[in-house]
Amino acid sequence: MGKGLVSVMMPAYNAEQFIAEAIDSVLAQTYPRWELLVVNDGSVDATADIVARYTDPRIKLIHKENGGEASARNVALDHSTGEFIAYLDADDAYLPHHLSALVDYLNVHPGRDAVYTDGFHFDQTGKRMQPLSARRRGPFEGRIFEEVVRASDVFGPPLCVMLRHQLVAEHRLRYDTRIVIGPDWDFFVRFADLGTFGYVDDRTCLYRVHETNISVQVGMQRRAGYLAICRENAIKLPNFNTCSVETRAAVFYDLLINLLAGQPEKQAAVTEWTQFQALPAAEQARLLRLLASQSLLSENGQPAFVRHWLAESRRLNPADRRGAVLAALYRLNPAVSRVFLRLKSLRNPGTVNLPLSDVK
């Protein structure tokens, strides 16, 4: 790995509209030790031609068949030769001091494995809007695995992050190509499980919001499916059970109630995982009661699952009055229990979902 060299990864698919602006922002960096790895992911527009016009030898154009962002990032990782890894999507941009700010931090803090900064959202015309930090928790420093597991809004878009390449190489970290929405979050969860992060309180980059963002194009059901894979991957990490009960319960709530809604077979399978059963009995009971309630309110709810979840909820926490009332009403008449839940939902409208801002 080249000492002091930053490998900037840029997946590009039909990116002709903004890619020149993105590349120009790298050329404008005050830090000169970089290589820009543009991975042309099977573009059918002028993306490759635009990149080919640049003669700076630090810009490397790599062609591949279309396979999605995760596979393009893996190709970039395979070609990276720098001490550091940085992110820049083909529709985003760096401010001139971005690389220098992050490299300086990592040089001064050899005990940190990664660092992130603040930045701005900006639109198609280049107008700057709210800062990235307006949609984040934190900032957090040190071992932030639990915070990253809880939700993707620690960093938001990946362009604000820089990693030490050595940790990635030592553990052979790669992107999960099954994931279209959230591959960076999934990768950062696994990185945060291994390393520590620092934070630079400076706005150094620009994240573009426009109608061709992949997160805008993908339907809600497919989005939920991809984010469910992110959740499942995190839960199966060895250190997941070191997270607080609150975080683990929140992750299972998001997976079971939000992301796998309407899929009782998958929901039931998750409740058999050792990680779910490692939750305190009262938390398991609460989640099972919520699964039963959700299924009761669904047009496609399946009585066998409802009965099982209610029975298990009562077994795990006999003192839960809500579970006792719901189970009694269900035994009396499923339709009555459904009316009860609908009236209750009118008194307490809406569900508070975990923040997943700027998942790409």
Protein backbone atom coordinates (compact mmCIF):
# COMPACT_ATOMS: atom_id res chain seq x y z
CA MET A 1 0.00 0.00 0.00
CA GLY A 2 1.39 3.37 -1.02
CA LYS A 3 2.33 5.40 2.06
CA GLY A 4 0.09 8.47 2.26
CA LEU A 5 -1.77 7.51 -0.91
CA VAL A 6 -5.57 7.83 -0.90
CA SER A 7 -7.54 5.44 -3.11
CA VAL A 8 -10.77 7.24 -4.04
CA MET A 9 -13.45 4.75 -5.13
CA MET A 10 -16.00 5.98 -7.67
CA PRO A 11 -18.62 3.52 -9.00
CA ALA A 12 -20.22 4.98 -12.12
CA TYR A 13 -23.33 3.80 -13.93
CA ASN A 14 -24.85 6.10 -16.56
CA ALA A 15 -23.31 9.01 -14.71
CA GLU A 16 -22.71 11.40 -17.60
CA GLN A 17 -24.71 14.23 -16.04
CA PHE A 18 -22.49 14.85 -13.02
CA ILE A 19 -19.32 12.76 -13.28
CA ALA A 20 -17.12 15.54 -14.68
CA GLU A 21 -18.00 17.72 -11.70
CA ALA A 22 -17.12 14.89 -9.34
CA ILE A 23 -13.77 14.25 -11.02
CA ASP A 24 -12.95 17.96 -11.13
CA SER A 25 -13.50 18.12 -7.38
CA VAL A 26 -10.79 15.48 -6.91
CA LEU A 27 -8.41 17.34 -9.20
CA ALA A 28 -9.01 20.46 -7.10
CA GLN A 29 -7.86 18.78 -3.86
CA THR A 30 -5.11 20.49 -1.92
CA TYR A 31 -3.84 17.02 -1.00
CA PRO A 32 -2.00 15.64 -4.07
CA ARG A 33 -1.39 11.97 -3.11
CA TRP A 34 -4.44 10.23 -4.49
CA GLU A 35 -5.58 7.76 -7.12
CA LEU A 36 -9.12 7.95 -8.48
CA LEU A 37 -10.56 4.54 -9.37
CA VAL A 38 -13.55 5.08 -11.65
CA VAL A 39 -15.37 1.77 -12.08
CA ASN A 40 -17.58 2.00 -15.15
CA ASP A 41 -20.35 -0.41 -14.18
CA GLY A 42 -21.64 -1.21 -17.67
CA SER A 43 -22.78 2.32 -18.50
CA VAL A 44 -24.60 2.76 -21.83
CA ASP A 45 -24.28 6.56 -21.92
CA ALA A 46 -21.20 8.78 -22.32
CA THR A 47 -19.77 8.06 -18.86
CA ALA A 48 -16.68 6.21 -20.12
CA ASP A 49 -15.99 8.79 -22.85
CA ILE A 50 -16.11 11.65 -20.36
CA VAL A 51 -13.66 9.92 -18.00
CA ALA A 52 -11.34 8.99 -20.87
CA ARG A 53 -10.85 12.68 -21.72
CA TYR A 54 -8.92 13.22 -18.48
CA THR A 55 -5.19 12.77 -18.95
CA ASP A 56 -4.07 12.93 -15.32
CA PRO A 57 -2.34 9.56 -14.68
CA ARG A 58 -3.84 9.41 -11.18
CA ILE A 59 -7.26 8.81 -12.77
CA LYS A 60 -7.81 5.14 -13.62
CA LEU A 61 -10.82 3.93 -15.60
CA ILE A 62 -11.86 0.34 -14.96
CA HIS A 63 -14.58 -1.31 -17.07
CA LYS A 64 -16.91 -4.08 -15.92
CA GLU A 65 -20.28 -5.54 -16.79
CA ASN A 66 -23.18 -4.00 -14.91
CA GLY A 67 -23.48 -5.61 -11.51
CA GLY A 68 -24.52 -2.85 -9.15
CA GLU A 69 -22.85 -0.55 -6.65
CA ALA A 70 -21.63 -3.27 -4.29
CA SER A 71 -19.86 -5.22 -7.02
CA ALA A 72 -18.35 -1.99 -8.40
CA ARG A 73 -16.99 -1.11 -4.95
CA ASN A 74 -15.46 -4.58 -4.69
CA VAL A 75 -13.67 -4.06 -8.00
CA ALA A 76 -12.39 -0.71 -6.73
CA LEU A 77 -11.16 -2.36 -3.53
CA ASP A 78 -9.34 -4.99 -5.60
CA HIS A 79 -7.52 -2.23 -7.52
CA SER A 80 -6.82 0.03 -4.54
CA THR A 81 -3.14 0.55 -3.72
CA GLY A 82 -3.40 3.41 -1.21
CA GLU A 83 -2.84 3.52 2.53
CA PHE A 84 -6.30 5.08 2.83
CA ILE A 85 -9.66 4.43 1.16
CA ALA A 86 -12.04 7.28 0.38
CA TYR A 87 -15.49 7.43 -1.20
CA LEU A 88 -16.89 9.61 -3.94
CA ASP A 89 -19.97 8.69 -5.93
CA ALA A 90 -20.17 10.03 -9.47
CA ASP A 91 -22.90 12.55 -8.58
CA ASP A 92 -21.25 13.94 -5.43
CA ALA A 93 -18.27 16.27 -4.92
CA TYR A 94 -15.44 17.08 -2.53
CA LEU A 95 -14.63 20.53 -1.27
CA PRO A 96 -10.93 21.32 -1.90
CA HIS A 97 -9.70 20.45 1.60
CA HIS A 98 -11.59 17.19 2.02
CA LEU A 99 -8.74 14.71 1.58
CA SER A 100 -6.21 16.81 3.47
CA ALA A 101 -8.55 17.14 6.48
CA LEU A 102 -9.10 13.39 6.76
CA VAL A 103 -5.51 12.33 6.05
CA ASP A 104 -4.18 14.88 8.56
CA TYR A 105 -6.49 13.48 11.23
CA LEU A 106 -5.44 9.87 10.64
CA ASN A 107 -1.76 10.82 10.61
CA VAL A 108 -2.13 12.62 13.95
CA HIS A 109 -4.27 9.80 15.43
CA PRO A 110 -2.54 6.50 14.56
CA GLY A 111 -4.84 4.65 16.97
CA ARG A 112 -7.90 5.45 14.86
CA ASP A 113 -8.79 3.16 11.94
CA ALA A 114 -11.20 5.56 10.21
CA VAL A 115 -12.53 9.10 10.31
CA TYR A 116 -15.57 10.98 9.07
CA THR A 117 -16.57 14.60 8.60
CA ASP A 118 -19.61 16.75 8.01
CA GLY A 119 -20.75 18.13 4.66
CA PHE A 120 -23.71 19.60 2.81
CA HIS A 121 -26.64 18.23 0.87
CA PHE A 122 -26.84 19.99 -2.50
CA ASP A 123 -29.24 19.87 -5.42
CA GLN A 124 -28.91 19.41 -9.17
CA THR A 125 -28.05 23.07 -9.67
CA GLY A 126 -25.28 22.98 -7.07
CA LYS A 127 -27.22 24.89 -4.42
CA ARG A 128 -26.12 23.92 -0.92
CA MET A 129 -28.82 22.91 1.52
CA GLN A 130 -28.79 21.53 5.07
CA PRO A 131 -25.61 19.95 6.47
CA LEU A 132 -25.29 16.18 6.66
CA SER A 133 -25.19 16.51 10.46
CA ALA A 134 -28.78 17.79 10.45
CA ARG A 135 -29.91 14.22 9.75
CA ARG A 136 -27.46 12.38 11.99
CA ARG A 137 -27.04 11.20 15.54
CA GLY A 138 -23.73 11.92 17.19
CA PRO A 139 -21.02 12.62 16.33
CA PHE A 140 -19.46 9.53 17.88
CA GLU A 141 -15.83 8.56 18.27
CA GLY A 142 -13.89 5.48 19.32
CA ARG A 143 -15.58 2.12 19.14
CA ILE A 144 -18.93 3.03 17.65
CA PHE A 145 -20.07 -0.44 16.57
CA GLU A 146 -23.29 -0.29 18.58
CA GLU A 147 -24.22 3.13 17.20
CA VAL A 148 -23.63 2.02 13.59
CA VAL A 149 -25.59 -1.20 14.17
CA ARG A 150 -28.54 0.77 15.55
CA ALA A 151 -29.07 2.80 12.35
CA SER A 152 -27.31 4.15 9.27
CA ASP A 153 -27.50 7.79 10.31
CA VAL A 154 -24.11 7.90 12.02
CA PHE A 155 -22.43 8.78 8.71
CA GLY A 156 -25.22 9.11 6.15
CA PRO A 157 -23.65 8.98 2.69
CA PRO A 158 -20.22 7.30 2.52
CA LEU A 159 -18.36 10.19 0.86
CA CYS A 160 -17.67 11.74 4.29
CA VAL A 161 -15.70 8.65 5.44
CA MET A 162 -12.05 7.62 5.09
CA LEU A 163 -10.72 4.20 6.15
CA ARG A 164 -7.29 2.74 6.70
CA HIS A 165 -6.80 0.17 3.96
CA GLN A 166 -4.82 -2.19 6.17
CA LEU A 167 -7.79 -3.22 8.29
CA VAL A 168 -9.90 -3.84 5.17
CA ALA A 169 -7.16 -5.97 3.63
CA GLU A 170 -6.33 -7.93 6.79
CA HIS A 171 -9.94 -9.00 7.27
CA ARG A 172 -10.75 -9.29 3.56
CA LEU A 173 -13.78 -7.06 3.93
CA ARG A 174 -15.95 -6.91 0.83
CA TYR A 175 -19.36 -5.55 -0.08
CA ASP A 176 -22.42 -7.82 -0.02
CA THR A 177 -23.55 -7.90 -3.66
CA ARG A 178 -27.07 -8.97 -2.66
CA ILE A 179 -27.70 -5.47 -1.30
CA VAL A 180 -28.74 -2.62 -3.61
CA ILE A 181 -29.93 -0.19 -0.91
CA GLY A 182 -27.59 0.00 2.06
CA PRO A 183 -24.38 -1.78 0.94
CA ASP A 184 -22.21 0.95 2.48
CA TRP A 185 -24.04 0.79 5.80
CA ASP A 186 -23.62 -2.98 5.86
CA PHE A 187 -19.89 -2.60 5.11
CA PHE A 188 -19.41 0.08 7.77
CA VAL A 189 -21.13 -2.10 10.39
CA ARG A 190 -18.59 -4.83 9.74
CA PHE A 191 -15.71 -2.34 9.69
CA ALA A 192 -16.91 -0.74 12.94
CA ASP A 193 -16.96 -4.20 14.51
CA LEU A 194 -13.19 -4.32 13.93
CA GLY A 195 -11.90 -0.76 14.17
CA THR A 196 -12.36 2.66 15.75
CA PHE A 197 -13.52 5.97 14.28
CA GLY A 198 -12.60 9.60 14.73
CA TYR A 199 -14.54 12.70 13.75
CA VAL A 200 -13.47 15.99 12.14
CA ASP A 201 -15.94 18.78 12.83
CA ASP A 202 -15.70 20.37 9.39
CA ARG A 203 -17.91 20.44 6.29
CA THR A 204 -15.72 19.02 3.57
CA CYS A 205 -17.99 17.39 0.98
CA LEU A 206 -21.22 17.69 -0.98
CA TYR A 207 -23.90 14.99 -1.23
CA ARG A 208 -26.24 15.47 -4.16
CA VAL A 209 -29.97 14.85 -3.77
CA HIS A 210 -31.85 14.29 -7.02
CA GLU A 211 -34.48 12.08 -8.59
CA THR A 212 -32.01 9.56 -10.04
CA ASN A 213 -30.55 8.56 -6.65
CA ILE A 214 -30.90 4.80 -6.38
CA SER A 215 -32.67 5.22 -3.02
CA VAL A 216 -35.37 7.25 -4.80
CA GLN A 217 -35.78 4.81 -7.70
CA VAL A 218 -36.18 1.59 -5.71
CA GLY A 219 -39.69 0.76 -4.47
CA MET A 220 -40.44 0.55 -0.75
CA GLN A 221 -40.91 -3.24 -0.73
CA ARG A 222 -37.58 -3.90 -2.46
CA ARG A 223 -35.90 -1.31 -0.24
CA ALA A 224 -37.19 -3.13 2.84
CA GLY A 225 -35.83 -6.39 1.48
CA TYR A 226 -32.33 -5.00 1.04
CA LEU A 227 -32.32 -3.35 4.45
CA ALA A 228 -33.51 -6.62 5.99
CA ILE A 229 -30.32 -8.25 4.68
CA CYS A 230 -28.32 -5.46 6.35
CA ARG A 231 -30.10 -6.15 9.63
CA GLU A 232 -29.63 -9.91 9.34
CA ASN A 233 -25.92 -9.53 8.60
CA ALA A 234 -25.44 -7.29 11.64
CA ILE A 235 -27.36 -9.60 13.96
CA LYS A 236 -25.17 -12.53 12.92
CA LEU A 237 -21.92 -10.77 13.77
CA PRO A 238 -20.25 -12.32 16.83
CA ASN A 239 -20.27 -9.02 18.76
CA PHE A 240 -23.94 -8.22 18.20
CA ASN A 241 -24.83 -9.71 21.58
CA THR A 242 -22.39 -7.29 23.26
CA CYS A 243 -24.72 -4.43 22.32
CA SER A 244 -27.15 -3.11 24.91
CA VAL A 245 -30.55 -4.73 25.30
CA GLU A 246 -32.12 -1.50 24.06
CA THR A 247 -30.15 -1.58 20.80
CA ARG A 248 -30.65 -5.28 20.18
CA ALA A 249 -34.39 -4.98 20.81
CA ALA A 250 -34.59 -1.96 18.50
CA VAL A 251 -32.78 -3.85 15.73
CA PHE A 252 -35.11 -6.84 16.04
CA TYR A 253 -38.11 -4.48 16.11
CA ASP A 254 -36.97 -2.87 12.88
CA LEU A 255 -36.33 -6.23 11.21
CA LEU A 256 -39.45 -8.03 12.41
CA ILE A 257 -42.07 -5.28 12.48
CA ASN A 258 -40.88 -2.87 9.77
CA LEU A 259 -38.78 -4.74 7.21
CA LEU A 260 -40.37 -8.21 7.24
CA ALA A 261 -43.96 -7.03 7.60
CA GLY A 262 -46.37 -9.38 5.85
CA GLN A 263 -43.84 -12.25 5.74
CA PRO A 264 -44.84 -14.43 8.70
CA GLU A 265 -42.68 -17.39 7.72
CA LYS A 266 -39.55 -15.23 7.73
CA GLN A 267 -40.63 -13.45 10.90
CA ALA A 268 -41.17 -16.79 12.64
CA ALA A 269 -37.74 -18.02 11.53
CA VAL A 270 -36.04 -14.93 12.99
CA THR A 271 -37.69 -15.50 16.37
CA GLU A 272 -35.92 -18.88 16.48
CA TRP A 273 -32.45 -17.33 16.13
CA THR A 274 -30.20 -17.64 19.17
CA GLN A 275 -29.66 -13.86 19.08
CA PHE A 276 -33.41 -13.25 19.46
CA GLN A 277 -33.67 -15.79 22.23
CA ALA A 278 -30.73 -14.11 24.00
CA LEU A 279 -32.97 -11.07 24.58
CA PRO A 280 -34.58 -10.81 28.02
CA ALA A 281 -37.83 -12.78 28.18
CA ALA A 282 -39.89 -9.59 28.55
CA GLU A 283 -38.43 -8.14 25.34
CA GLN A 284 -39.05 -11.36 23.43
CA ALA A 285 -42.62 -11.37 24.72
CA ARG A 286 -43.18 -7.75 23.70
CA LEU A 287 -41.92 -8.36 20.16
CA LEU A 288 -43.97 -11.53 19.79
CA ARG A 289 -47.07 -9.66 20.99
CA LEU A 290 -46.38 -6.95 18.41
CA LEU A 291 -45.98 -9.58 15.69
CA ALA A 292 -49.34 -11.07 16.64
CA SER A 293 -50.95 -7.62 16.65
CA GLN A 294 -49.50 -6.76 13.26
CA SER A 295 -50.69 -10.04 11.79
CA LEU A 296 -54.18 -9.56 13.24
CA LEU A 297 -54.46 -6.15 11.61
CA SER A 298 -53.20 -7.45 8.27
CA GLU A 299 -55.60 -8.59 5.58
CA ASN A 300 -53.36 -11.59 4.99
CA GLY A 301 -52.75 -12.45 8.63
CA GLN A 302 -52.43 -16.17 9.34
CA PRO A 303 -54.21 -17.47 12.47
CA ALA A 304 -51.64 -20.21 13.15
CA PHE A 305 -48.87 -17.65 13.55
CA VAL A 306 -51.07 -15.36 15.65
CA ARG A 307 -51.94 -18.17 18.06
CA HIS A 308 -48.31 -19.27 18.34
CA TRP A 309 -46.95 -15.76 18.93
CA LEU A 310 -49.60 -14.95 21.53
CA ALA A 311 -49.00 -18.21 23.36
CA GLU A 312 -45.22 -17.71 23.37
CA SER A 313 -45.62 -14.11 24.51
CA ARG A 314 -47.76 -15.22 27.44
CA ARG A 315 -45.34 -18.03 28.34
CA LEU A 316 -42.33 -15.68 28.34
CA ASN A 317 -43.99 -12.89 30.31
CA PRO A 318 -47.18 -13.92 32.11
CA ALA A 319 -47.20 -10.55 33.92
CA ASP A 320 -47.64 -8.57 30.70
CA ARG A 321 -51.19 -7.17 30.98
CA ARG A 322 -51.32 -6.13 27.31
CA GLY A 323 -50.46 -9.63 26.23
CA ALA A 324 -53.01 -11.09 28.63
CA VAL A 325 -55.81 -8.84 27.35
CA LEU A 326 -55.01 -9.47 23.70
CA ALA A 327 -54.76 -13.24 24.19
CA ALA A 328 -58.07 -13.30 26.08
CA LEU A 329 -59.83 -11.26 23.41
CA TYR A 330 -58.40 -13.46 20.67
CA ARG A 331 -59.64 -16.60 22.38
CA LEU A 332 -63.05 -14.99 22.80
CA ASN A 333 -63.30 -13.83 19.20
CA PRO A 334 -60.50 -12.88 16.73
CA ALA A 335 -62.72 -10.18 15.25
CA VAL A 336 -63.13 -8.56 18.68
CA SER A 337 -59.36 -8.54 19.21
CA ARG A 338 -58.97 -6.91 15.80
CA VAL A 339 -61.43 -4.15 16.69
CA PHE A 340 -59.61 -3.63 19.98
CA LEU A 341 -56.27 -3.20 18.18
CA ARG A 342 -57.77 -0.78 15.64
CA LEU A 343 -59.24 1.38 18.39
CA LYS A 344 -55.91 1.31 20.18
CA SER A 345 -54.06 2.33 17.02
CA LEU A 346 -56.41 5.30 16.61
CA ARG A 347 -55.46 6.49 20.09
CA ASN A 348 -51.73 5.98 19.35
CA PRO A 349 -51.32 6.64 15.60
CA GLY A 350 -48.09 6.02 13.77
CA THR A 351 -45.02 3.93 14.41
CA VAL A 352 -41.65 5.40 15.27
CA ASN A 353 -39.17 3.79 12.88
CA LEU A 354 -35.42 3.85 13.34
CA PRO A 355 -33.66 6.57 11.35
CA LEU A 356 -32.11 5.34 8.10
CA SER A 357 -31.13 8.63 6.50
CA ASP A 358 -29.17 8.77 3.25
CA VAL A 359 -28.91 5.02 2.84
CA LYS A 360 -27.66 4.49 -0.70
